[in-house]
């Protein structure tokens, strides 16, 4: 039975029914729908709108439906949406009392409330998964804080950096993502129930009772806005998109660093695949899949923004398009975070190869320029001098750490014997002791800061 069919003389066409239905995906909201209905019926009872007999019957019936769904003995099917399913199932079990549940509410405020409850809970779960991934990265930072690797700009070796500094950089990204989901949870924590279809209700309800029962921080202040607001869903999808952007960057690094050409990390066999034709292959398919799924999540954000951009007040059926994309993005982000947290725990860096690479390609050239500048040579002049040294090394097949003091002095009399220590990659990394820098002490301070902020995250 459709909740609205009384006005119509003819049944809806079968293809229209199929096009209109949302039960196939909004059945995920069954727990939120029943939870909100329990709170609504309790409020109606306290306000004297429902008799105690009807309230108790409704609540007993709703709890039984929830238990049967969770036990797998009640299949969610055969209705237009989850709201119709729950209400019709309730009526079939308790009779006319079930028909009174929908007093003083509409499917518009009901659907908005259910979705907010779901997004609020989901945001908490994503924060938990982000915390797990950050913990994996911090463990790597702590283990390899005394090791160095090359840092890159433009995918060209730039300067030696601390391995912990590298892993800390991704922890910072995912900490920002976690804070975004905390903000999403707050954005979703506003209760629309009691707004009716769009104009509120003439029944003497008390929305504060329902708010308290459902644990919302506040109630919506405008019923027109409340039933048509999906900002929280767009914010959720944006937060998902940023997670995937950061994961995709880590994927790209993992793909490069586990290649023979780089050889910085060894990808665990448990998270690699092979080739059907080339027996020697060890492919980073998990990383490539996560990188590829990023565009999929971006697409869901764009789809929702497009759906809401031209909707006149108040509710319109376009808003049914708010859920499928979000559910898919949620599943994608959760699966990617979970697998990456475990995979990163099993990554094995090759510290010898990374240290060798950190010393290649004149990565200490900036240190040489800084050396001259600290001795009074204008930095731009020092930059030109070092450029000439690099050019000479390229012509003669030498490196900065293979030059003699005499060869350095041929370019500037300012050079002294200590320049031979300055051009060692490890010394270069450890000389940068500014906050967030590449020294061991700066990297350790970064780890402490990350752990402190990680412990403060809720959920």
Protein backbone atom coordinates (compact mmCIF):
# COMPACT_ATOMS: atom_id res chain seq x y z
CA UNK A 1 0.00 0.00 0.00
CA UNK A 2 1.29 3.45 -0.92
CA UNK A 3 1.02 6.05 1.82
CA UNK A 4 -0.41 8.61 -0.58
CA UNK A 5 -2.64 6.66 -2.98
CA UNK A 6 -6.02 7.75 -1.60
CA UNK A 7 -6.21 10.76 -3.91
CA UNK A 8 -5.69 8.70 -7.10
CA UNK A 9 -8.35 6.85 -9.07
CA UNK A 10 -5.92 4.75 -11.12
CA UNK A 11 -2.78 2.87 -10.04
CA UNK A 12 0.67 4.10 -10.94
CA UNK A 13 2.15 2.55 -14.06
CA UNK A 14 4.61 -0.25 -13.38
CA UNK A 15 7.50 1.58 -15.04
CA UNK A 16 6.68 4.73 -13.07
CA UNK A 17 6.72 2.69 -9.87
CA UNK A 18 10.12 1.28 -10.76
CA UNK A 19 11.46 4.72 -11.64
CA UNK A 20 10.09 6.30 -8.48
CA UNK A 21 11.08 3.72 -5.89
CA UNK A 22 14.01 4.20 -3.52
CA UNK A 23 13.70 1.14 -1.27
CA UNK A 24 16.47 -0.62 -3.19
CA UNK A 25 18.97 1.79 -1.67
CA UNK A 26 17.30 3.69 1.19
CA UNK A 27 16.68 0.40 3.02
CA UNK A 28 20.09 1.14 4.55
CA UNK A 29 18.21 3.70 6.65
CA UNK A 30 15.99 1.13 8.36
CA UNK A 31 17.63 1.53 11.78
CA UNK A 32 17.58 5.32 11.58
CA UNK A 33 13.94 5.29 10.45
CA UNK A 34 12.83 3.04 13.30
CA UNK A 35 14.92 4.98 15.83
CA UNK A 36 13.37 8.27 14.72
CA UNK A 37 9.88 6.74 14.76
CA UNK A 38 10.37 5.48 18.32
CA UNK A 39 11.37 8.99 19.42
CA UNK A 40 8.48 10.57 17.49
CA UNK A 41 5.92 8.24 19.06
CA UNK A 42 7.35 8.90 22.52
CA UNK A 43 7.03 12.64 21.98
CA UNK A 44 3.46 12.26 20.71
CA UNK A 45 2.61 10.29 23.82
CA UNK A 46 4.17 12.81 26.21
CA UNK A 47 2.32 15.63 24.47
CA UNK A 48 -1.01 13.82 24.80
CA UNK A 49 -1.41 13.40 21.04
CA UNK A 50 -1.16 9.59 21.32
CA UNK A 51 -2.80 7.51 24.00
CA UNK A 52 -0.50 5.42 26.19
CA UNK A 53 -2.07 2.29 24.72
CA UNK A 54 -1.29 3.31 21.13
CA UNK A 55 2.18 4.57 22.05
CA UNK A 56 3.13 1.32 23.73
CA UNK A 57 1.74 -0.74 20.86
CA UNK A 58 3.65 1.34 18.30
CA UNK A 59 6.90 1.15 20.23
CA UNK A 60 6.60 -2.58 20.83
CA UNK A 61 5.84 -3.13 17.14
CA UNK A 62 8.76 -0.98 15.96
CA UNK A 63 11.21 -2.75 18.25
CA UNK A 64 10.00 -6.12 16.99
CA UNK A 65 10.42 -5.02 13.36
CA UNK A 66 13.97 -3.83 14.09
CA UNK A 67 14.82 -7.10 15.83
CA UNK A 68 13.43 -9.16 12.94
CA UNK A 69 15.35 -7.15 10.32
CA UNK A 70 18.59 -7.48 12.26
CA UNK A 71 17.99 -11.21 12.76
CA UNK A 72 17.48 -11.65 9.03
CA UNK A 73 13.94 -12.99 9.40
CA UNK A 74 12.24 -9.96 7.85
CA UNK A 75 13.11 -9.02 4.28
CA UNK A 76 12.92 -5.35 3.37
CA UNK A 77 11.02 -5.39 0.08
CA UNK A 78 7.76 -4.69 -1.68
CA UNK A 79 7.32 -1.01 -0.87
CA UNK A 80 8.13 2.37 -2.37
CA UNK A 81 10.70 3.38 0.26
CA UNK A 82 11.95 2.46 3.72
CA UNK A 83 9.44 4.78 5.40
CA UNK A 84 6.51 3.06 3.68
CA UNK A 85 7.96 -0.36 4.47
CA UNK A 86 8.27 0.28 8.18
CA UNK A 87 4.87 1.94 8.50
CA UNK A 88 2.99 -0.70 6.50
CA UNK A 89 4.77 -3.50 8.37
CA UNK A 90 3.80 -1.83 11.64
CA UNK A 91 0.16 -1.52 10.61
CA UNK A 92 0.08 -5.15 9.54
CA UNK A 93 1.29 -6.16 12.99
CA UNK A 94 -0.62 -3.85 15.35
CA UNK A 95 -3.54 -2.57 13.29
CA UNK A 96 -4.98 0.94 13.45
CA UNK A 97 -2.61 2.09 16.18
CA UNK A 98 0.15 1.89 13.60
CA UNK A 99 -1.69 4.35 11.39
CA UNK A 100 -1.38 7.00 14.09
CA UNK A 101 2.44 6.98 14.05
CA UNK A 102 2.60 9.44 11.16
CA UNK A 103 0.63 12.08 13.04
CA UNK A 104 2.39 15.48 13.00
CA UNK A 105 5.11 14.45 10.57
CA UNK A 106 5.69 14.10 6.82
CA UNK A 107 7.93 11.84 4.83
CA UNK A 108 9.86 15.03 4.03
CA UNK A 109 10.99 15.76 7.58
CA UNK A 110 11.11 12.03 8.31
CA UNK A 111 13.52 11.35 5.42
CA UNK A 112 15.70 14.34 6.30
CA UNK A 113 15.93 13.18 9.92
CA UNK A 114 16.76 9.59 8.99
CA UNK A 115 19.49 10.73 6.62
CA UNK A 116 21.02 13.05 9.20
CA UNK A 117 21.07 10.25 11.76
CA UNK A 118 22.81 8.01 9.24
CA UNK A 119 25.39 10.58 8.13
CA UNK A 120 26.12 11.53 11.73
CA UNK A 121 26.90 7.91 12.58
CA UNK A 122 28.85 7.31 9.37
CA UNK A 123 31.05 10.37 9.98
CA UNK A 124 32.02 8.93 13.35
CA UNK A 125 32.97 5.63 11.72
CA UNK A 126 35.14 7.33 9.11
CA UNK A 127 36.97 9.26 11.83
CA UNK A 128 37.73 5.92 13.49
CA UNK A 129 39.16 4.52 10.25
CA UNK A 130 41.26 7.65 9.71
CA UNK A 131 42.64 7.30 13.23
CA UNK A 132 43.69 3.74 12.42
CA UNK A 133 45.49 4.81 9.25
CA UNK A 134 47.23 7.69 11.02
CA UNK A 135 48.36 5.27 13.72
CA UNK A 136 49.94 3.06 11.04
CA UNK A 137 51.78 6.06 9.59
CA UNK A 138 52.97 7.23 13.01
CA UNK A 139 54.35 3.75 13.72
CA UNK A 140 56.39 4.01 10.53
CA UNK A 141 57.58 7.48 11.52
CA UNK A 142 58.74 6.24 14.89
CA UNK A 143 60.52 3.24 13.42
CA UNK A 144 62.37 5.16 10.70
CA UNK A 145 62.96 8.52 12.40
CA UNK A 146 66.75 8.12 12.14
CA UNK A 147 66.69 7.32 8.42
CA UNK A 148 66.74 9.64 5.42
CA UNK A 149 65.33 9.58 1.92
CA UNK A 150 65.23 11.99 -1.03
CA UNK A 151 62.54 14.65 -1.03
CA UNK A 152 61.09 15.63 -4.39
CA UNK A 153 59.69 18.63 -6.19
CA UNK A 154 58.45 18.21 -9.76
CA UNK A 155 59.24 14.49 -9.25
CA UNK A 156 62.94 15.42 -9.33
CA UNK A 157 65.22 14.93 -6.34
CA UNK A 158 65.35 18.16 -4.38
CA UNK A 159 66.80 17.77 -0.88
CA UNK A 160 67.42 14.98 1.65
CA UNK A 161 64.58 14.59 4.14
CA UNK A 162 63.83 12.51 7.20
CA UNK A 163 61.74 9.39 6.58
CA UNK A 164 59.58 10.28 9.58
CA UNK A 165 59.01 13.73 8.11
CA UNK A 166 57.68 12.02 4.98
CA UNK A 167 55.20 9.80 6.85
CA UNK A 168 54.25 12.71 9.12
CA UNK A 169 53.24 14.71 6.05
CA UNK A 170 50.53 12.16 5.24
CA UNK A 171 49.47 12.01 8.88
CA UNK A 172 48.89 15.78 8.71
CA UNK A 173 46.69 15.33 5.63
CA UNK A 174 44.59 12.62 7.25
CA UNK A 175 44.32 14.58 10.50
CA UNK A 176 42.76 17.40 8.48
CA UNK A 177 40.40 14.85 6.93
CA UNK A 178 39.41 13.59 10.37
CA UNK A 179 38.65 17.16 11.48
CA UNK A 180 36.52 17.62 8.37
CA UNK A 181 34.43 14.58 9.32
CA UNK A 182 34.10 15.90 12.86
CA UNK A 183 32.72 19.08 11.28
CA UNK A 184 30.41 17.04 9.03
CA UNK A 185 29.06 15.24 12.07
CA UNK A 186 28.32 18.62 13.66
CA UNK A 187 26.67 19.86 10.46
CA UNK A 188 24.39 16.81 10.41
CA UNK A 189 23.56 17.20 14.10
CA UNK A 190 20.46 19.36 13.55
CA UNK A 191 17.01 17.77 13.82
CA UNK A 192 14.42 18.52 11.10
CA UNK A 193 11.69 16.31 12.58
CA UNK A 194 8.66 18.42 13.39
CA UNK A 195 8.98 20.52 10.24
CA UNK A 196 6.23 18.56 8.52
CA UNK A 197 6.06 18.62 4.74
CA UNK A 198 7.36 22.21 4.64
CA UNK A 199 5.26 24.49 6.86
CA UNK A 200 5.52 22.92 10.30
CA UNK A 201 2.53 21.37 12.09
CA UNK A 202 -0.60 22.54 13.88
CA UNK A 203 -0.35 19.73 16.46
CA UNK A 204 0.92 20.77 19.92
CA UNK A 205 4.20 18.88 19.61
CA UNK A 206 7.38 19.46 21.61
CA UNK A 207 10.37 19.20 19.29
CA UNK A 208 12.80 19.48 22.19
CA UNK A 209 11.59 16.12 23.50
CA UNK A 210 12.35 14.46 20.18
CA UNK A 211 15.69 16.24 19.89
CA UNK A 212 16.77 15.00 23.30
CA UNK A 213 15.62 11.44 22.61
CA UNK A 214 17.57 11.32 19.33
CA UNK A 215 20.63 13.03 20.76
CA UNK A 216 20.64 15.96 18.34
CA UNK A 217 22.45 19.10 19.49
CA UNK A 218 19.78 21.44 18.16
CA UNK A 219 16.56 21.65 16.17
CA UNK A 220 16.16 23.26 12.77
CA UNK A 221 14.90 26.83 12.85
CA UNK A 222 13.06 27.06 9.55
CA UNK A 223 10.81 24.29 8.30
CA UNK A 224 11.16 25.25 4.61
CA UNK A 225 14.93 25.01 4.86
CA UNK A 226 14.90 21.93 7.10
CA UNK A 227 13.14 19.60 4.67
CA UNK A 228 15.21 20.70 1.66
CA UNK A 229 18.66 21.16 3.25
CA UNK A 230 21.27 18.66 2.04
CA UNK A 231 24.32 20.76 2.79
CA UNK A 232 25.46 18.16 5.30
CA UNK A 233 25.42 15.47 2.61
CA UNK A 234 27.43 17.64 0.23
CA UNK A 235 29.90 18.36 3.03
CA UNK A 236 30.16 14.62 3.73
CA UNK A 237 30.94 13.97 0.06
CA UNK A 238 33.49 16.79 -0.01
CA UNK A 239 35.19 15.30 3.03
CA UNK A 240 35.17 11.90 1.29
CA UNK A 241 36.67 13.50 -1.82
CA UNK A 242 39.52 15.03 0.19
CA UNK A 243 40.25 11.67 1.84
CA UNK A 244 40.46 10.09 -1.59
CA UNK A 245 42.68 12.91 -2.88
CA UNK A 246 45.13 12.30 -0.07
CA UNK A 247 44.92 8.53 -0.40
CA UNK A 248 45.50 8.84 -4.14
CA UNK A 249 48.70 10.80 -3.51
CA UNK A 250 49.88 8.10 -1.13
CA UNK A 251 48.90 5.48 -3.72
CA UNK A 252 51.02 7.21 -6.35
CA UNK A 253 54.01 7.35 -4.01
CA UNK A 254 53.57 3.69 -3.11
CA UNK A 255 53.38 2.70 -6.79
CA UNK A 256 56.56 4.65 -7.57
CA UNK A 257 58.52 3.75 -4.44
CA UNK A 258 57.87 0.00 -4.76
CA UNK A 259 59.00 -0.03 -8.38
CA UNK A 260 62.44 -1.37 -9.36
CA UNK A 261 63.38 2.09 -10.61
CA UNK A 262 62.99 3.56 -7.10
CA UNK A 263 63.30 0.51 -4.87
CA UNK A 264 62.49 2.45 -1.69
CA UNK A 265 59.77 0.16 -0.32
CA UNK A 266 58.88 -3.48 -0.56
CA UNK A 267 55.16 -4.03 -1.09
CA UNK A 268 53.86 -6.93 1.05
CA UNK A 269 52.87 -10.01 -0.96
CA UNK A 270 49.49 -9.99 0.79
CA UNK A 271 48.67 -6.68 -0.90
CA UNK A 272 50.14 -7.37 -4.34
CA UNK A 273 48.98 -9.29 -7.39
CA UNK A 274 50.69 -11.05 -10.27
CA UNK A 275 50.33 -11.33 -14.02
CA UNK A 276 48.53 -14.05 -15.94
CA UNK A 277 51.31 -14.10 -18.55
CA UNK A 278 54.45 -12.62 -16.94
CA UNK A 279 55.57 -14.84 -14.03
CA UNK A 280 57.96 -12.26 -12.56
CA UNK A 281 55.40 -9.49 -12.01
CA UNK A 282 54.43 -8.12 -8.61
CA UNK A 283 51.80 -5.49 -9.27
CA UNK A 284 50.50 -2.76 -6.93
CA UNK A 285 46.89 -3.35 -7.90
CA UNK A 286 45.48 -2.32 -4.50
CA UNK A 287 47.13 1.10 -4.84
CA UNK A 288 45.99 1.47 -8.43
CA UNK A 289 42.41 0.56 -7.57
CA UNK A 290 42.27 3.07 -4.72
CA UNK A 291 43.77 5.73 -7.00
CA UNK A 292 41.18 4.90 -9.65
CA UNK A 293 38.25 5.03 -7.21
CA UNK A 294 39.07 8.65 -6.41
CA UNK A 295 37.32 9.92 -9.54
CA UNK A 296 34.26 7.89 -8.65
CA UNK A 297 33.94 9.66 -5.29
CA UNK A 298 34.53 13.06 -6.92
CA UNK A 299 31.69 12.25 -9.31
CA UNK A 300 29.24 11.68 -6.46
CA UNK A 301 30.08 15.10 -5.01
CA UNK A 302 29.52 16.81 -8.35
CA UNK A 303 26.27 14.88 -8.87
CA UNK A 304 24.81 16.05 -5.57
CA UNK A 305 25.93 19.64 -6.04
CA UNK A 306 24.28 19.56 -9.46
CA UNK A 307 21.07 18.07 -8.04
CA UNK A 308 20.64 20.75 -5.37
CA UNK A 309 21.75 23.79 -7.36
CA UNK A 310 18.35 24.64 -8.91
CA UNK A 311 15.80 23.32 -6.44
CA UNK A 312 13.10 25.86 -5.50
CA UNK A 313 11.85 25.87 -1.92
CA UNK A 314 10.99 23.56 -0.40
CA UNK A 315 11.19 19.77 -0.91
CA UNK A 316 11.46 18.37 -4.45
CA UNK A 317 11.88 14.77 -5.60
CA UNK A 318 15.35 15.65 -6.95
CA UNK A 319 16.49 15.17 -3.37
CA UNK A 320 15.97 11.43 -3.68
CA UNK A 321 19.29 11.59 -5.56
CA UNK A 322 21.06 12.47 -2.31
CA UNK A 323 21.61 8.92 -1.08
CA UNK A 324 22.91 6.47 -3.70
CA UNK A 325 26.05 8.45 -4.39
CA UNK A 326 26.71 9.06 -0.71
CA UNK A 327 26.26 5.40 0.14
CA UNK A 328 28.69 4.41 -2.61
CA UNK A 329 31.22 7.07 -1.59
CA UNK A 330 30.94 5.92 2.02
CA UNK A 331 31.59 2.31 1.06
CA UNK A 332 34.51 3.29 -1.16
CA UNK A 333 36.19 5.52 1.42
CA UNK A 334 35.73 3.04 4.26
CA UNK A 335 37.14 0.13 2.26
CA UNK A 336 40.11 2.18 1.02
CA UNK A 337 40.96 3.47 4.50
CA UNK A 338 40.69 0.04 6.08
CA UNK A 339 42.90 -1.69 3.53
CA UNK A 340 45.47 1.10 3.48
CA UNK A 341 45.81 1.12 7.27
CA UNK A 342 46.72 -2.57 7.19
CA UNK A 343 48.88 -2.38 4.07
CA UNK A 344 50.98 0.49 5.44
CA UNK A 345 51.64 -1.52 8.59
CA UNK A 346 53.32 -4.12 6.39
CA UNK A 347 55.35 -1.82 4.10
CA UNK A 348 59.10 -2.47 4.46
CA UNK A 349 61.32 0.51 3.53
CA UNK A 350 64.80 -0.22 2.14
CA UNK A 351 66.73 2.26 4.25
CA UNK A 352 70.04 1.65 2.48
CA UNK A 353 68.60 2.34 -0.96
CA UNK A 354 66.76 5.44 0.27
CA UNK A 355 69.91 6.84 1.85
CA UNK A 356 71.89 6.24 -1.33
CA UNK A 357 69.20 7.98 -3.38
CA UNK A 358 69.12 10.89 -0.96
CA UNK A 359 72.77 11.61 -1.74
CA UNK A 360 72.38 11.47 -5.53
CA UNK A 361 71.69 14.25 -8.04
CA UNK A 362 73.26 17.11 -6.08
CA UNK A 363 70.57 17.13 -3.38
CA UNK A 364 72.93 19.08 -1.06
CA UNK A 365 73.39 21.96 -3.51
CA UNK A 366 71.11 24.23 -1.48
CA UNK A 367 73.21 23.47 1.61
CA UNK A 368 76.30 24.69 -0.24
CA UNK A 369 74.53 27.92 -1.20
CA UNK A 370 73.31 28.38 2.38
CA UNK A 371 76.87 27.76 3.60
CA UNK A 372 78.15 30.65 1.51
CA UNK A 373 75.24 32.91 2.50
CA UNK A 374 75.87 32.26 6.20
CA UNK A 375 79.43 33.47 5.62
CA UNK A 376 78.28 36.74 4.14
CA UNK A 377 77.94 35.97 0.42
CA UNK A 378 74.60 37.33 -0.89
CA UNK A 379 72.33 34.35 -1.44
CA UNK A 380 71.67 35.12 -5.09
CA UNK A 381 75.44 35.31 -5.69
CA UNK A 382 75.90 32.08 -3.74
CA UNK A 383 73.21 30.46 -5.87
CA UNK A 384 75.18 31.33 -9.02
CA UNK A 385 78.44 30.02 -7.57
CA UNK A 386 76.89 26.69 -6.66
CA UNK A 387 75.26 26.45 -10.09
CA UNK A 388 78.77 26.69 -11.55
CA UNK A 389 80.01 23.96 -9.20
CA UNK A 390 77.16 21.65 -10.24
CA UNK A 391 77.90 22.33 -13.90
CA UNK A 392 81.55 21.43 -13.37
CA UNK A 393 80.58 18.22 -11.57
CA UNK A 394 78.33 17.23 -14.46
CA UNK A 395 81.14 17.86 -16.95
CA UNK A 396 83.68 15.88 -14.94
CA UNK A 397 81.38 13.14 -13.69
CA UNK A 398 81.80 14.10 -10.04
CA UNK A 399 79.48 14.62 -7.09
CA UNK A 400 79.44 17.35 -4.46
CA UNK A 401 80.79 15.00 -1.79
CA UNK A 402 83.64 13.83 -4.05
CA UNK A 403 85.08 17.33 -4.61
CA UNK A 404 88.18 18.34 -2.68
CA UNK A 405 88.47 21.50 -0.62
CA UNK A 406 90.78 22.89 -3.29
CA UNK A 407 88.13 22.39 -5.96
CA UNK A 408 85.59 24.22 -3.81
CA UNK A 409 88.03 27.07 -3.16
CA UNK A 410 88.57 27.43 -6.89
CA UNK A 411 84.97 28.66 -7.01
CA UNK A 412 85.09 30.80 -3.83
CA UNK A 413 87.77 31.49 -1.23
CA UNK A 414 85.05 31.53 1.42
CA UNK A 415 84.91 27.72 1.49
CA UNK A 416 86.65 26.04 4.42
CA UNK A 417 87.22 22.41 5.38
CA UNK A 418 83.79 22.12 7.03
CA UNK A 419 82.13 22.24 3.60
CA UNK A 420 83.06 18.56 3.23
CA UNK A 421 80.65 17.72 6.07
CA UNK A 422 77.94 20.06 4.82
CA UNK A 423 77.56 18.08 1.58
CA UNK A 424 76.76 14.79 3.31
CA UNK A 425 73.08 13.94 2.85
CA UNK A 426 72.46 12.90 6.44
CA UNK A 427 73.98 16.13 7.76
CA UNK A 428 71.89 18.09 5.27
CA UNK A 429 68.64 16.57 6.51
CA UNK A 430 69.55 16.94 10.16
CA UNK A 431 70.58 20.57 9.78
CA UNK A 432 66.99 21.65 9.13
CA UNK A 433 65.74 21.93 12.66
CA UNK A 434 62.92 24.42 12.08
CA UNK A 435 59.44 23.37 13.17
CA UNK A 436 58.23 20.77 10.68
CA UNK A 437 61.73 20.39 9.25
CA UNK A 438 63.78 17.33 8.31
CA UNK A 439 66.02 16.97 11.37
CA UNK A 440 65.57 14.02 13.69
CA UNK A 441 64.53 16.29 16.54
CA UNK A 442 62.02 18.16 14.35
CA UNK A 443 60.58 14.88 13.07
CA UNK A 444 60.23 13.57 16.62
CA UNK A 445 58.48 16.78 17.62
CA UNK A 446 56.15 16.24 14.67
CA UNK A 447 55.36 12.72 15.86
CA UNK A 448 54.55 13.98 19.36
CA UNK A 449 52.30 16.67 17.92
CA UNK A 450 50.46 14.18 15.71
CA UNK A 451 49.97 11.74 18.57
CA UNK A 452 48.63 14.53 20.79
CA UNK A 453 46.10 15.67 18.19
CA UNK A 454 45.20 12.07 17.35
CA UNK A 455 44.35 11.41 21.00
CA UNK A 456 42.04 14.45 21.04
CA UNK A 457 39.94 13.23 18.12
CA UNK A 458 36.50 12.00 19.19
CA UNK A 459 34.85 8.69 18.36
